[in-house]
């Protein structure tokens, strides 16, 4: 149950931030940096690798990094030509491959 709630929280956070391109002011107040440096830090410091990637509003790139061994996860947002910012992190990450629910109303 706890793992499912954590996954739901991560999904909700991703949905909320997908449209939030980091501005210069936000970049100064968040943990932001060069994309290659952020990826290296997540890999070397936390054992996290990219698990998913998608495009958000205003062509932002939203990425989820996670360690399948430790369960830590981090969500980043990268603005076009801008910094990569850490926007959420947590524990108990798990990959889910769920089928769509059956929405047929019957015959």
PDB file of N, CA and C in Angstrom:
ATOM      1  N   UNK A   1       0.818  -1.191   0.000  1.00  0.00           N
ATOM      2  CA  UNK A   1       0.000   0.000   0.000  1.00  0.00           C
ATOM      3  C   UNK A   1       0.866   1.260   0.000  1.00  0.00           C
ATOM      4  N   UNK A   2       1.893   1.292   0.855  1.00  0.00           N
ATOM      5  CA  UNK A   2       2.772   2.453   0.934  1.00  0.00           C
ATOM      6  C   UNK A   2       3.468   2.708  -0.391  1.00  0.00           C
ATOM      7  N   UNK A   3       3.924   1.637  -1.056  1.00  0.00           N
ATOM      8  CA  UNK A   3       4.604   1.795  -2.339  1.00  0.00           C
ATOM      9  C   UNK A   3       3.656   2.357  -3.383  1.00  0.00           C
ATOM     10  N   UNK A   4       2.406   1.894  -3.366  1.00  0.00           N
ATOM     11  CA  UNK A   4       1.428   2.390  -4.322  1.00  0.00           C
ATOM     12  C   UNK A   4       1.163   3.865  -4.095  1.00  0.00           C
ATOM     13  N   UNK A   5       1.029   4.293  -2.830  1.00  0.00           N
ATOM     14  CA  UNK A   5       0.801   5.701  -2.540  1.00  0.00           C
ATOM     15  C   UNK A   5       1.984   6.552  -2.968  1.00  0.00           C
ATOM     16  N   UNK A   6       3.192   6.052  -2.772  1.00  0.00           N
ATOM     17  CA  UNK A   6       4.370   6.793  -3.197  1.00  0.00           C
ATOM     18  C   UNK A   6       4.388   6.946  -4.707  1.00  0.00           C
ATOM     19  N   UNK A   7       4.039   5.876  -5.433  1.00  0.00           N
ATOM     20  CA  UNK A   7       3.987   5.956  -6.889  1.00  0.00           C
ATOM     21  C   UNK A   7       2.922   6.947  -7.336  1.00  0.00           C
ATOM     22  N   UNK A   8       1.770   6.942  -6.662  1.00  0.00           N
ATOM     23  CA  UNK A   8       0.722   7.893  -6.995  1.00  0.00           C
ATOM     24  C   UNK A   8       1.175   9.319  -6.720  1.00  0.00           C
ATOM     25  N   UNK A   9       1.879   9.521  -5.617  1.00  0.00           N
ATOM     26  CA  UNK A   9       2.379  10.853  -5.292  1.00  0.00           C
ATOM     27  C   UNK A   9       3.381  11.321  -6.343  1.00  0.00           C
ATOM     28  N   UNK A  10       4.249  10.421  -6.782  1.00  0.00           N
ATOM     29  CA  UNK A  10       5.229  10.777  -7.812  1.00  0.00           C
ATOM     30  C   UNK A  10       4.526  11.132  -9.113  1.00  0.00           C
ATOM     31  N   UNK A  11       3.505  10.371  -9.476  1.00  0.00           N
ATOM     32  CA  UNK A  11       2.753  10.650 -10.697  1.00  0.00           C
ATOM     33  C   UNK A  11       2.042  11.988 -10.591  1.00  0.00           C
ATOM     34  N   UNK A  12       1.454  12.268  -9.438  1.00  0.00           N
ATOM     35  CA  UNK A  12       0.764  13.545  -9.235  1.00  0.00           C
ATOM     36  C   UNK A  12       1.745  14.704  -9.316  1.00  0.00           C
ATOM     37  N   UNK A  13       2.906  14.541  -8.707  1.00  0.00           N
ATOM     38  CA  UNK A  13       3.922  15.596  -8.761  1.00  0.00           C
ATOM     39  C   UNK A  13       4.357  15.841 -10.195  1.00  0.00           C
ATOM     40  N   UNK A  14       4.539  14.770 -10.947  1.00  0.00           N
ATOM     41  CA  UNK A  14       4.942  14.895 -12.341  1.00  0.00           C
ATOM     42  C   UNK A  14       3.888  15.649 -13.135  1.00  0.00           C
ATOM     43  N   UNK A  15       2.632  15.335 -12.901  1.00  0.00           N
ATOM     44  CA  UNK A  15       1.555  16.013 -13.612  1.00  0.00           C
ATOM     45  C   UNK A  15       1.509  17.499 -13.268  1.00  0.00           C
ATOM     46  N   UNK A  16       1.754  17.842 -12.011  1.00  0.00           N
ATOM     47  CA  UNK A  16       1.702  19.230 -11.590  1.00  0.00           C
ATOM     48  C   UNK A  16       2.850  20.054 -12.142  1.00  0.00           C
ATOM     49  N   UNK A  17       4.035  19.444 -12.256  1.00  0.00           N
ATOM     50  CA  UNK A  17       5.200  20.213 -12.667  1.00  0.00           C
ATOM     51  C   UNK A  17       5.461  20.168 -14.156  1.00  0.00           C
ATOM     52  N   UNK A  18       4.777  19.308 -14.869  1.00  0.00           N
ATOM     53  CA  UNK A  18       5.065  19.143 -16.295  1.00  0.00           C
ATOM     54  C   UNK A  18       4.909  20.456 -17.055  1.00  0.00           C
ATOM     55  N   UNK A  19       4.043  21.326 -16.575  1.00  0.00           N
ATOM     56  CA  UNK A  19       3.837  22.598 -17.249  1.00  0.00           C
ATOM     57  C   UNK A  19       4.644  23.736 -16.671  1.00  0.00           C
ATOM     58  N   UNK A  20       5.515  23.455 -15.731  1.00  0.00           N
ATOM     59  CA  UNK A  20       6.237  24.515 -15.040  1.00  0.00           C
ATOM     60  C   UNK A  20       7.671  24.619 -15.529  1.00  0.00           C
ATOM     61  N   UNK A  21       7.895  25.430 -16.534  1.00  0.00           N
ATOM     62  CA  UNK A  21       9.258  25.645 -17.016  1.00  0.00           C
ATOM     63  C   UNK A  21       9.992  26.510 -16.015  1.00  0.00           C
ATOM     64  N   UNK A  22      11.186  26.096 -15.609  1.00  0.00           N
ATOM     65  CA  UNK A  22      11.916  26.904 -14.631  1.00  0.00           C
ATOM     66  C   UNK A  22      12.352  28.244 -15.226  1.00  0.00           C
ATOM     67  N   UNK A  23      12.015  29.326 -14.541  1.00  0.00           N
ATOM     68  CA  UNK A  23      12.470  30.644 -14.960  1.00  0.00           C
ATOM     69  C   UNK A  23      13.835  30.900 -14.328  1.00  0.00           C
ATOM     70  N   UNK A  24      14.469  31.995 -14.685  1.00  0.00           N
ATOM     71  CA  UNK A  24      15.781  32.316 -14.124  1.00  0.00           C
ATOM     72  C   UNK A  24      15.691  32.453 -12.607  1.00  0.00           C
ATOM     73  N   UNK A  25      14.631  33.097 -12.100  1.00  0.00           N
ATOM     74  CA  UNK A  25      14.465  33.260 -10.656  1.00  0.00           C
ATOM     75  C   UNK A  25      14.275  31.913  -9.977  1.00  0.00           C
ATOM     76  N   UNK A  26      13.448  31.046 -10.557  1.00  0.00           N
ATOM     77  CA  UNK A  26      13.243  29.720  -9.996  1.00  0.00           C
ATOM     78  C   UNK A  26      14.537  28.922 -10.005  1.00  0.00           C
ATOM     79  N   UNK A  27      15.303  29.043 -11.066  1.00  0.00           N
ATOM     80  CA  UNK A  27      16.555  28.300 -11.174  1.00  0.00           C
ATOM     81  C   UNK A  27      17.520  28.702 -10.066  1.00  0.00           C
ATOM     82  N   UNK A  28      17.471  29.954  -9.660  1.00  0.00           N
ATOM     83  CA  UNK A  28      18.359  30.412  -8.602  1.00  0.00           C
ATOM     84  C   UNK A  28      17.932  29.898  -7.238  1.00  0.00           C
ATOM     85  N   UNK A  29      16.638  29.650  -7.043  1.00  0.00           N
ATOM     86  CA  UNK A  29      16.151  29.209  -5.740  1.00  0.00           C
ATOM     87  C   UNK A  29      16.017  27.700  -5.644  1.00  0.00           C
ATOM     88  N   UNK A  30      16.087  26.985  -6.727  1.00  0.00           N
ATOM     89  CA  UNK A  30      16.004  25.521  -6.739  1.00  0.00           C
ATOM     90  C   UNK A  30      17.387  24.926  -6.909  1.00  0.00           C
ATOM     91  N   UNK A  31      17.448  23.614  -6.782  1.00  0.00           N
ATOM     92  CA  UNK A  31      18.688  22.897  -7.075  1.00  0.00           C
ATOM     93  C   UNK A  31      18.756  22.690  -8.578  1.00  0.00           C
ATOM     94  N   UNK A  32      19.467  23.552  -9.263  1.00  0.00           N
ATOM     95  CA  UNK A  32      19.562  23.511 -10.718  1.00  0.00           C
ATOM     96  C   UNK A  32      21.014  23.490 -11.151  1.00  0.00           C
ATOM     97  N   UNK A  33      21.232  23.004 -12.364  1.00  0.00           N
ATOM     98  CA  UNK A  33      22.577  23.001 -12.913  1.00  0.00           C
ATOM     99  C   UNK A  33      22.571  22.489 -14.329  1.00  0.00           C
ATOM    100  N   UNK A  34      23.759  22.342 -14.874  1.00  0.00           N
ATOM    101  CA  UNK A  34      23.937  21.788 -16.205  1.00  0.00           C
ATOM    102  C   UNK A  34      23.400  20.353 -16.231  1.00  0.00           C
ATOM    103  N   UNK A  35      22.690  19.990 -17.292  1.00  0.00           N
ATOM    104  CA  UNK A  35      22.051  18.677 -17.373  1.00  0.00           C
ATOM    105  C   UNK A  35      23.046  17.538 -17.147  1.00  0.00           C
ATOM    106  N   UNK A  36      24.190  17.590 -17.814  1.00  0.00           N
ATOM    107  CA  UNK A  36      25.182  16.516 -17.684  1.00  0.00           C
ATOM    108  C   UNK A  36      25.678  16.394 -16.244  1.00  0.00           C
ATOM    109  N   UNK A  37      25.859  17.519 -15.573  1.00  0.00           N
ATOM    110  CA  UNK A  37      26.310  17.491 -14.189  1.00  0.00           C
ATOM    111  C   UNK A  37      25.243  16.936 -13.253  1.00  0.00           C
ATOM    112  N   UNK A  38      23.981  17.295 -13.489  1.00  0.00           N
ATOM    113  CA  UNK A  38      22.885  16.779 -12.665  1.00  0.00           C
ATOM    114  C   UNK A  38      22.770  15.269 -12.830  1.00  0.00           C
ATOM    115  N   UNK A  39      22.822  14.784 -14.077  1.00  0.00           N
ATOM    116  CA  UNK A  39      22.734  13.344 -14.347  1.00  0.00           C
ATOM    117  C   UNK A  39      23.894  12.611 -13.679  1.00  0.00           C
ATOM    118  N   UNK A  40      25.092  13.162 -13.771  1.00  0.00           N
ATOM    119  CA  UNK A  40      26.263  12.551 -13.144  1.00  0.00           C
ATOM    120  C   UNK A  40      26.108  12.495 -11.629  1.00  0.00           C
ATOM    121  N   UNK A  41      25.606  13.562 -11.034  1.00  0.00           N
ATOM    122  CA  UNK A  41      25.428  13.608  -9.576  1.00  0.00           C
ATOM    123  C   UNK A  41      24.378  12.592  -9.122  1.00  0.00           C
ATOM    124  N   UNK A  42      23.300  12.468  -9.855  1.00  0.00           N
ATOM    125  CA  UNK A  42      22.265  11.488  -9.503  1.00  0.00           C
ATOM    126  C   UNK A  42      22.805  10.063  -9.613  1.00  0.00           C
ATOM    127  N   UNK A  43      23.655   9.827 -10.618  1.00  0.00           N
ATOM    128  CA  UNK A  43      24.238   8.498 -10.813  1.00  0.00           C
ATOM    129  C   UNK A  43      25.274   8.184  -9.741  1.00  0.00           C
ATOM    130  N   UNK A  44      26.210   9.096  -9.535  1.00  0.00           N
ATOM    131  CA  UNK A  44      27.308   8.807  -8.600  1.00  0.00           C
ATOM    132  C   UNK A  44      26.874   8.912  -7.143  1.00  0.00           C
ATOM    133  N   UNK A  45      25.997   9.839  -6.837  1.00  0.00           N
ATOM    134  CA  UNK A  45      25.595  10.041  -5.445  1.00  0.00           C
ATOM    135  C   UNK A  45      24.464   9.160  -4.973  1.00  0.00           C
ATOM    136  N   UNK A  46      23.578   8.759  -5.894  1.00  0.00           N
ATOM    137  CA  UNK A  46      22.373   8.039  -5.500  1.00  0.00           C
ATOM    138  C   UNK A  46      22.140   6.758  -6.279  1.00  0.00           C
ATOM    139  N   UNK A  47      22.980   6.490  -7.275  1.00  0.00           N
ATOM    140  CA  UNK A  47      22.804   5.289  -8.087  1.00  0.00           C
ATOM    141  C   UNK A  47      21.570   5.340  -8.962  1.00  0.00           C
ATOM    142  N   UNK A  48      21.106   6.548  -9.275  1.00  0.00           N
ATOM    143  CA  UNK A  48      19.886   6.696 -10.066  1.00  0.00           C
ATOM    144  C   UNK A  48      20.199   6.836 -11.552  1.00  0.00           C
ATOM    145  N   UNK A  49      19.363   6.223 -12.364  1.00  0.00           N
ATOM    146  CA  UNK A  49      19.451   6.355 -13.819  1.00  0.00           C
ATOM    147  C   UNK A  49      18.076   6.747 -14.344  1.00  0.00           C
ATOM    148  N   UNK A  50      18.054   7.284 -15.562  1.00  0.00           N
ATOM    149  CA  UNK A  50      16.780   7.735 -16.132  1.00  0.00           C
ATOM    150  C   UNK A  50      15.856   6.543 -16.364  1.00  0.00           C
ATOM    151  N   UNK A  51      14.636   6.667 -15.868  1.00  0.00           N
ATOM    152  CA  UNK A  51      13.624   5.629 -16.016  1.00  0.00           C
ATOM    153  C   UNK A  51      12.541   6.033 -17.012  1.00  0.00           C
ATOM    154  N   UNK A  52      12.295   7.338 -17.137  1.00  0.00           N
ATOM    155  CA  UNK A  52      11.309   7.804 -18.111  1.00  0.00           C
ATOM    156  C   UNK A  52      11.593   9.254 -18.465  1.00  0.00           C
ATOM    157  N   UNK A  53      11.044   9.667 -19.603  1.00  0.00           N
ATOM    158  CA  UNK A  53      11.253  11.023 -20.106  1.00  0.00           C
ATOM    159  C   UNK A  53      10.009  11.431 -20.883  1.00  0.00           C
ATOM    160  N   UNK A  54       9.679  12.715 -20.834  1.00  0.00           N
ATOM    161  CA  UNK A  54       8.534  13.212 -21.580  1.00  0.00           C
ATOM    162  C   UNK A  54       8.646  14.703 -21.791  1.00  0.00           C
ATOM    163  N   UNK A  55       7.826  15.208 -22.697  1.00  0.00           N
ATOM    164  CA  UNK A  55       7.796  16.640 -22.989  1.00  0.00           C
ATOM    165  C   UNK A  55       6.654  17.275 -22.217  1.00  0.00           C
ATOM    166  N   UNK A  56       6.952  18.380 -21.556  1.00  0.00           N
ATOM    167  CA  UNK A  56       5.942  19.143 -20.847  1.00  0.00           C
ATOM    168  C   UNK A  56       5.558  20.368 -21.643  1.00  0.00           C
ATOM    169  N   UNK A  57       4.806  21.241 -21.005  1.00  0.00           N
ATOM    170  CA  UNK A  57       4.402  22.486 -21.646  1.00  0.00           C
ATOM    171  C   UNK A  57       5.629  23.332 -21.956  1.00  0.00           C
ATOM    172  N   UNK A  58       5.526  24.167 -22.934  1.00  0.00           N
ATOM    173  CA  UNK A  58       6.619  25.059 -23.330  1.00  0.00           C
ATOM    174  C   UNK A  58       7.894  24.305 -23.669  1.00  0.00           C
ATOM    175  N   UNK A  59       7.754  23.075 -24.156  1.00  0.00           N
ATOM    176  CA  UNK A  59       8.889  22.240 -24.566  1.00  0.00           C
ATOM    177  C   UNK A  59       9.866  21.918 -23.438  1.00  0.00           C
ATOM    178  N   UNK A  60       9.398  21.918 -22.202  1.00  0.00           N
ATOM    179  CA  UNK A  60      10.254  21.474 -21.113  1.00  0.00           C
ATOM    180  C   UNK A  60      10.414  19.960 -21.205  1.00  0.00           C
ATOM    181  N   UNK A  61      11.545  19.465 -20.737  1.00  0.00           N
ATOM    182  CA  UNK A  61      11.794  18.030 -20.706  1.00  0.00           C
ATOM    183  C   UNK A  61      11.670  17.583 -19.250  1.00  0.00           C
ATOM    184  N   UNK A  62      10.771  16.648 -19.005  1.00  0.00           N
ATOM    185  CA  UNK A  62      10.544  16.112 -17.666  1.00  0.00           C
ATOM    186  C   UNK A  62      11.132  14.712 -17.633  1.00  0.00           C
ATOM    187  N   UNK A  63      12.008  14.455 -16.645  1.00  0.00           N
ATOM    188  CA  UNK A  63      12.660  13.151 -16.536  1.00  0.00           C
ATOM    189  C   UNK A  63      12.481  12.597 -15.128  1.00  0.00           C
ATOM    190  N   UNK A  64      12.337  11.280 -15.063  1.00  0.00           N
ATOM    191  CA  UNK A  64      12.301  10.586 -13.781  1.00  0.00           C
ATOM    192  C   UNK A  64      13.534   9.699 -13.712  1.00  0.00           C
ATOM    193  N   UNK A  65      14.347   9.925 -12.677  1.00  0.00           N
ATOM    194  CA  UNK A  65      15.523   9.115 -12.410  1.00  0.00           C
ATOM    195  C   UNK A  65      15.230   8.283 -11.172  1.00  0.00           C
ATOM    196  N   UNK A  66      15.730   7.049 -11.129  1.00  0.00           N
ATOM    197  CA  UNK A  66      15.492   6.210  -9.955  1.00  0.00           C
ATOM    198  C   UNK A  66      16.563   5.137  -9.850  1.00  0.00           C
ATOM    199  N   UNK A  67      16.732   4.651  -8.641  1.00  0.00           N
ATOM    200  CA  UNK A  67      17.586   3.497  -8.394  1.00  0.00           C
ATOM    201  C   UNK A  67      16.668   2.317  -8.104  1.00  0.00           C
ATOM    202  N   UNK A  68      16.739   1.297  -8.953  1.00  0.00           N
ATOM    203  CA  UNK A  68      15.906   0.117  -8.736  1.00  0.00           C
ATOM    204  C   UNK A  68      16.419  -0.707  -7.569  1.00  0.00           C
ATOM    205  N   UNK A  69      17.645  -0.460  -7.133  1.00  0.00           N
ATOM    206  CA  UNK A  69      18.209  -1.180  -5.984  1.00  0.00           C
ATOM    207  C   UNK A  69      17.791  -0.553  -4.660  1.00  0.00           C
ATOM    208  N   UNK A  70      17.890   0.778  -4.555  1.00  0.00           N
ATOM    209  CA  UNK A  70      17.591   1.436  -3.286  1.00  0.00           C
ATOM    210  C   UNK A  70      16.178   2.006  -3.228  1.00  0.00           C
ATOM    211  N   UNK A  71      15.556   2.239  -4.382  1.00  0.00           N
ATOM    212  CA  UNK A  71      14.210   2.792  -4.428  1.00  0.00           C
ATOM    213  C   UNK A  71      14.140   4.306  -4.397  1.00  0.00           C
ATOM    214  N   UNK A  72      15.287   5.001  -4.381  1.00  0.00           N
ATOM    215  CA  UNK A  72      15.232   6.464  -4.409  1.00  0.00           C
ATOM    216  C   UNK A  72      14.859   6.936  -5.808  1.00  0.00           C
ATOM    217  N   UNK A  73      14.204   8.102  -5.889  1.00  0.00           N
ATOM    218  CA  UNK A  73      13.817   8.652  -7.182  1.00  0.00           C
ATOM    219  C   UNK A  73      13.915  10.170  -7.149  1.00  0.00           C
ATOM    220  N   UNK A  74      14.097  10.751  -8.338  1.00  0.00           N
ATOM    221  CA  UNK A  74      14.191  12.200  -8.505  1.00  0.00           C
ATOM    222  C   UNK A  74      13.496  12.584  -9.801  1.00  0.00           C
ATOM    223  N   UNK A  75      12.731  13.666  -9.770  1.00  0.00           N
ATOM    224  CA  UNK A  75      12.104  14.212 -10.974  1.00  0.00           C
ATOM    225  C   UNK A  75      12.797  15.524 -11.306  1.00  0.00           C
ATOM    226  N   UNK A  76      13.195  15.663 -12.567  1.00  0.00           N
ATOM    227  CA  UNK A  76      13.840  16.901 -13.028  1.00  0.00           C
ATOM    228  C   UNK A  76      13.031  17.529 -14.148  1.00  0.00           C
ATOM    229  N   UNK A  77      13.189  18.846 -14.296  1.00  0.00           N
ATOM    230  CA  UNK A  77      12.598  19.581 -15.410  1.00  0.00           C
ATOM    231  C   UNK A  77      13.706  20.422 -16.033  1.00  0.00           C
ATOM    232  N   UNK A  78      13.812  20.333 -17.354  1.00  0.00           N
ATOM    233  CA  UNK A  78      14.809  21.116 -18.079  1.00  0.00           C
ATOM    234  C   UNK A  78      14.098  22.024 -19.067  1.00  0.00           C
ATOM    235  N   UNK A  79      14.352  23.319 -18.947  1.00  0.00           N
ATOM    236  CA  UNK A  79      13.789  24.293 -19.878  1.00  0.00           C
ATOM    237  C   UNK A  79      14.622  24.287 -21.154  1.00  0.00           C
ATOM    238  N   UNK A  80      14.010  24.639 -22.299  1.00  0.00           N
ATOM    239  CA  UNK A  80      14.780  24.710 -23.537  1.00  0.00           C
ATOM    240  C   UNK A  80      15.968  25.656 -23.379  1.00  0.00           C
ATOM    241  N   UNK A  81      17.167  25.150 -23.587  1.00  0.00           N
ATOM    242  CA  UNK A  81      18.362  25.956 -23.472  1.00  0.00           C
ATOM    243  C   UNK A  81      18.702  26.387 -22.061  1.00  0.00           C
ATOM    244  N   UNK A  82      17.963  25.872 -21.090  1.00  0.00           N
ATOM    245  CA  UNK A  82      18.154  26.333 -19.720  1.00  0.00           C
ATOM    246  C   UNK A  82      18.704  25.262 -18.809  1.00  0.00           C
ATOM    247  N   UNK A  83      18.661  25.524 -17.523  1.00  0.00           N
ATOM    248  CA  UNK A  83      19.209  24.574 -16.564  1.00  0.00           C
ATOM    249  C   UNK A  83      18.273  23.394 -16.335  1.00  0.00           C
ATOM    250  N   UNK A  84      18.815  22.351 -15.745  1.00  0.00           N
ATOM    251  CA  UNK A  84      18.024  21.218 -15.282  1.00  0.00           C
ATOM    252  C   UNK A  84      17.794  21.427 -13.793  1.00  0.00           C
ATOM    253  N   UNK A  85      16.530  21.386 -13.377  1.00  0.00           N
ATOM    254  CA  UNK A  85      16.182  21.636 -11.977  1.00  0.00           C
ATOM    255  C   UNK A  85      15.564  20.402 -11.338  1.00  0.00           C
ATOM    256  N   UNK A  86      15.993  20.117 -10.112  1.00  0.00           N
ATOM    257  CA  UNK A  86      15.391  19.048  -9.328  1.00  0.00           C
ATOM    258  C   UNK A  86      14.099  19.596  -8.742  1.00  0.00           C
ATOM    259  N   UNK A  87      12.974  18.903  -8.976  1.00  0.00           N
ATOM    260  CA  UNK A  87      11.693  19.421  -8.504  1.00  0.00           C
ATOM    261  C   UNK A  87      11.006  18.507  -7.502  1.00  0.00           C
ATOM    262  N   UNK A  88      11.417  17.249  -7.415  1.00  0.00           N
ATOM    263  CA  UNK A  88      10.827  16.332  -6.437  1.00  0.00           C
ATOM    264  C   UNK A  88      11.748  15.131  -6.277  1.00  0.00           C
ATOM    265  N   UNK A  89      11.716  14.536  -5.099  1.00  0.00           N
ATOM    266  CA  UNK A  89      12.496  13.323  -4.862  1.00  0.00           C
ATOM    267  C   UNK A  89      11.843  12.536  -3.738  1.00  0.00           C
ATOM    268  N   UNK A  90      12.201  11.274  -3.643  1.00  0.00           N
ATOM    269  CA  UNK A  90      11.615  10.453  -2.595  1.00  0.00           C
ATOM    270  C   UNK A  90      12.182   9.047  -2.592  1.00  0.00           C
ATOM    271  N   UNK A  91      11.434   8.152  -1.974  1.00  0.00           N
ATOM    272  CA  UNK A  91      11.864   6.768  -1.832  1.00  0.00           C
ATOM    273  C   UNK A  91      10.740   5.828  -2.256  1.00  0.00           C
ATOM    274  N   UNK A  92      11.059   4.555  -2.290  1.00  0.00           N
ATOM    275  CA  UNK A  92      10.111   3.476  -2.595  1.00  0.00           C
ATOM    276  C   UNK A  92       9.650   3.493  -4.052  1.00  0.00           C
ATOM    277  N   UNK A  93      10.539   3.832  -4.979  1.00  0.00           N
ATOM    278  CA  UNK A  93      10.210   3.826  -6.403  1.00  0.00           C
ATOM    279  C   UNK A  93       9.994   2.392  -6.871  1.00  0.00           C
ATOM    280  N   UNK A  94       9.043   2.224  -7.765  1.00  0.00           N
ATOM    281  CA  UNK A  94       8.849   0.932  -8.412  1.00  0.00           C
ATOM    282  C   UNK A  94       8.301   1.154  -9.810  1.00  0.00           C
ATOM    283  N   UNK A  95       8.716   0.306 -10.743  1.00  0.00           N
ATOM    284  CA  UNK A  95       8.189   0.346 -12.102  1.00  0.00           C
ATOM    285  C   UNK A  95       6.846  -0.361 -12.117  1.00  0.00           C
ATOM    286  N   UNK A  96       5.869   0.257 -12.749  1.00  0.00           N
ATOM    287  CA  UNK A  96       4.551  -0.347 -12.885  1.00  0.00           C
ATOM    288  C   UNK A  96       4.195  -0.430 -14.355  1.00  0.00           C
ATOM    289  N   UNK A  97       3.710  -1.561 -14.760  1.00  0.00           N
ATOM    290  CA  UNK A  97       3.213  -1.764 -16.113  1.00  0.00           C
ATOM    291  C   UNK A  97       1.794  -2.283 -15.979  1.00  0.00           C
ATOM    292  N   UNK A  98       0.852  -1.368 -15.931  1.00  0.00           N
ATOM    293  CA  UNK A  98      -0.532  -1.738 -15.711  1.00  0.00           C
ATOM    294  C   UNK A  98      -1.328  -1.604 -17.003  1.00  0.00           C
ATOM    295  N   UNK A  99      -2.242  -2.546 -17.215  1.00  0.00           N
ATOM    296  CA  UNK A  99      -3.138  -2.466 -18.355  1.00  0.00           C
ATOM    297  C   UNK A  99      -4.179  -1.367 -18.092  1.00  0.00           C
ATOM    298  N   UNK A 100      -4.711  -0.818 -19.157  1.00  0.00           N
ATOM    299  CA  UNK A 100      -5.785   0.145 -19.016  1.00  0.00           C
ATOM    300  C   UNK A 100      -7.004  -0.580 -18.435  1.00  0.00           C
ATOM    301  N   UNK A 101      -7.786   0.098 -17.613  1.00  0.00           N
ATOM    302  CA  UNK A 101      -8.987  -0.548 -17.076  1.00  0.00           C
ATOM    303  C   UNK A 101     -10.004  -0.792 -18.175  1.00  0.00           C
ATOM    304  N   UNK A 102     -10.807  -1.828 -18.016  1.00  0.00           N
ATOM    305  CA  UNK A 102     -11.877  -2.132 -18.964  1.00  0.00           C
ATOM    306  C   UNK A 102     -13.016  -1.147 -18.720  1.00  0.00           C
ATOM    307  N   UNK A 103     -13.308  -0.313 -19.700  1.00  0.00           N
ATOM    308  CA  UNK A 103     -14.367   0.687 -19.554  1.00  0.00           C
ATOM    309  C   UNK A 103     -15.601   0.343 -20.365  1.00  0.00           C
ATOM    310  N   UNK A 104     -15.658  -0.892 -20.888  1.00  0.00           N
ATOM    311  CA  UNK A 104     -16.845  -1.313 -21.630  1.00  0.00           C
ATOM    312  C   UNK A 104     -18.059  -1.321 -20.725  1.00  0.00           C
ATOM    313  N   UNK A 105     -19.184  -0.842 -21.256  1.00  0.00           N
ATOM    314  CA  UNK A 105     -20.438  -0.796 -20.473  1.00  0.00           C
ATOM    315  C   UNK A 105     -21.226  -2.099 -20.577  1.00  0.00           C
ATOM    316  N   UNK A 106     -20.704  -3.060 -21.271  1.00  0.00           N
ATOM    317  CA  UNK A 106     -21.412  -4.318 -21.428  1.00  0.00           C
ATOM    318  C   UNK A 106     -22.175  -4.369 -22.736  1.00  0.00           C
ATOM    319  N   UNK A 107     -22.798  -5.512 -22.994  1.00  0.00           N
ATOM    320  CA  UNK A 107     -23.500  -5.691 -24.267  1.00  0.00           C
ATOM    321  C   UNK A 107     -24.917  -5.279 -24.207  1.00  0.00           C
TER     322      UNK A 107
END
